[in-house]
Amino acid sequence: MTRPLDPRTRMIHDGTDRRAFGEMSEALYLTQGFAYDSAAQAEARFDGSDPGYVYARYGNPTVGMFEDRLASLEGAEACFATASGMAAVNAAMFSQLAAGDHAVAARALFGSCHYIVDTLLPRFGVETTLVDGTDLDQWRAAMRGNTKLCFLESPSNPTLEIIDIAAVAGIAHAAGARLVVDNVFATPCFQRPLELGADLVMYSTTKHIDGQGRCLGGALLGSAEIVRGPVLEYMKHTGGALSPFNAWVMLKGLETLHLRCDAQARSAEAIAAHLSGHGAVRRTLYPGLADHPQHALAMGQMTRGGTMVSFELADKEAAFAFLDALEIAKISNNLGDAKTIATHPTTTTHQRMTEEDRLSLGITPGLIRLSVGLEAPDDLIADLDRGLAAAGSS
């Protein structure tokens, strides 16, 4: 090639490994094991001198194509695909931390991520500190001599808080720590954390990358030193690898990722603007809106505002009345789907957090998280107005 390929082209072609049949769609290899030409080859596979496949828990040709394509899109040296997004978070933490180490994380986390940081890691002797992710002084103050890892999500779930990834990376590296970024909400289309200084990027590929509510999956991307070192070693012994069938579905999802996310982001922009002027809405949170608290930062490290919009109604009763009146948007706890999804975080995704912790993050009883789908934006706005009318009369 005489010029670099656009990401939209790489999402369709990179990583493809065709066999002699010349198949157009990537081959699906539903196999756990692999045969060797000789005992010597088997030995070489196991000692690493032969890079071929050994066992599906370690790697698989279909999974490998997905990993290579996603790594190309992300600009990463290596990728390891996992059984779910939380398997990726678990691997990012436990593959790099040991008893006596210290980890720092932004307080605004998805409920299961919060559980790993605040409950699970301390059980294994890892000290953890939660900070206001937007306050760089808190990151600096939290660093210790034994700090090994920093973790954040930006935009955060569900309040769409934006954290300065480059600045936190600089603070972490100055302390000898690595930075892991959950990039699920921004997607690889709208934000590239590795270019901002992150050491590992994590995805729940269940979300936008699948994009049609079919399969669980996750991925960790970064340098070969980390991904093919501690991450691979941890994953092949703990068993959280992605299945070949799910990898094949994710490959198909990558082919349309840019088109879907771009359309969803355009609709999210229109919906956020509409909600911000509605009398029943107390506040609208969308990074692309000029009144977002970190709008300038968001537009500096993201190319679009994303596909997620959060907004606050009067209380839980109003939120439930809104949700129950919807006809197009569905009540669910997933996101990144072709179908628009409305979620009440207080009673679902963040239910296990204490009320005090939720309120400190701005997760009020009236907060709604909206994952904007591919429906016509005018239809979605009419559906939301129907819900808001019901909320106003609750």
Foldseek 3Di string as FASTA:
>chain_A
DPDDDDLLVLLQDWLADDDPVPDNAHDFDQDFADDDPDPVVLVCCVVVVDVDDGGVLLHDSLLRSLFRSVCVLLVFATKAKFQALVVVLVLVPPLFDAAPAEEEEELQAWQVSCCCQVPVVVVRRYHYYYDNQADLVRLLVPQDLRHAEYEYEALGPPQRDGHQLLSSLVSQVVSVYAYEYEDAQQPSLWFRSVVSRHAKYKYFCCAQLLQANDHTMMMIGHYCCPCVPSSSVVRSVVRGHHRSVVSSSSSVSSSCSNVWWVLLLVLVVVLQVVLCPDPQWPHKAWLCDPPHPCVVSSVVRTVGRGNKIKTFGDALVLQVLLQVQFDQEHDDDGANHQGKYKYQCCVPRNVPDDPVSCVVVVSGSGMIMIGGHNDDSVVVNVRSVRSSVRSVVD
